């Protein structure tokens, strides 16, 4: 790790931020999709108190759910505001990665390169283009702040308890934002231990750092207890959970190991080569070459790196393994049950936002330690970097055009809301509108937390209309699905909106 370079102008940080904005500005036209509709319905139907505790896929979602609820209350179904928040947070993350990389390497060119490479990576579209995954973007922000402070305290004397308490708080909040944040936060004591003796802590500071894993464990147990008590008694949920039981078999452990290897390999390849060829064929020769090249750079730089740089590479590598490992544990058994190969499963872009961020920092550290003469390094910074950034700009422009904005979901939602409104106002004022409940394909095939199907039209009605009437007409949705009627009887707004075909709705208001 070399002393920080000060000969580059401060606005250079705007280069990677601008490239990231170019790559992902189109998400401002994105719309909700799949799980988004399940979350929006849960908020509209049961309110904050219940939604706060809900989770899916082994995540701990207290912070993410709070943000989702607040956005729905502020913006309703105006998705552009949700995705403006996503884009803004991503740009902040790119700036933070630049700051961390500069602190770790002392090199503005390397920080610019690493932040731009990660900021435009097409695989990030899987996270940035799906609002349900926004918690991962938020977790990355918090993790980068902690890493920046850790880097700033290297060789700066013992860390005080107040500073460590701040790290602990940020880590716990990250753990309640997304599963990737949970894995990284849980490893905070190990990261601090690896960085010793460059980062030393007072005894009170160690107490705060060591408290993070048990705090996360308690929060996770509270959330899981709520989930089990609220939902798993449902026959629908028990049927849905059956594929996950393969985890107890030997082939489940093999699948986890296979998916972990594929996740690390795909994330590495996507960081280095994803912008050049998107979508990146995986497995394939280019992905293999990119992974080998990354490993070769790290290996070539290892002996030349100073002790602190090596400790940082180990610490960041542990975080990559922890994050990808948790993803593999939580997802490999499911993908095995539905017949996916682990390579196919690992190529889902939404799994790689945080791991690629960590890999980008490792790459910056490795490149900084490659044994190259100072004159050649300066020449590369002045001559090669501008060319690479120009190529990245072209790649970013291409990425923006390839992002799936889910326009079909937007159109389907608008058409359904207009149809419901038209059918309701077709009744006389004070009358009752009986609407046959239908499916809503944009919500996907995953069930609600209790295992029942997404309720369909009645759910979209709850999202779009704050009350049970449309311009003075009382609205009911009629269904013959026993599972939906059973779910409606458990409470929420849906209990006042969904009826069976034999039911008699209340008389029209006089």
Foldseek 3Di string as FASTA:
>chain_A
DDAADDPDDPCLLVLLLVLLCLQAVLLLLFFAFAVLLLLLLCCLWPNDVVQCLDDPLLAQANLQSVVSNVCCVVPQRNCSVLLVVLSVLLSLLLSLQLLLLCLLQSDNLLSSVLSNLLSNQLLCLLQSNHSSNSLQSLLSNLVSVLSNVQSVQFQVDADELVVLLSNLVSLLSSRNSTVLSVLLLLCQVVLQVLLPPRYHHDPNSNVSSVVNNVVNVVSSVVSVVCLCVPAPVFPLNVVVCVLVVCCVPPVLVVLLVQLLVLLLLLLQLSSVCSLVDPPDDPPDDSSVVSSVVLVVLQVQLVVQADSNLNSLLVSLVSSLSRLSSVVSNSPRSVCVSVPHHSNVVSSNSSSRSNSSSSSSSNSSSSVSRRDDDPVVVVCCSVPVSVVVSVSSSVSSNVSSVPRDSPVVLVVLLVVLVVVVLVQQPVDPALFEGEAEFDARCSNPAADRSNNHRDRGSVSSVSSVDSDQHRNRYGYAYEDQDPSLQVVLVVGTPNVLHYDYPPDDHDGGDD
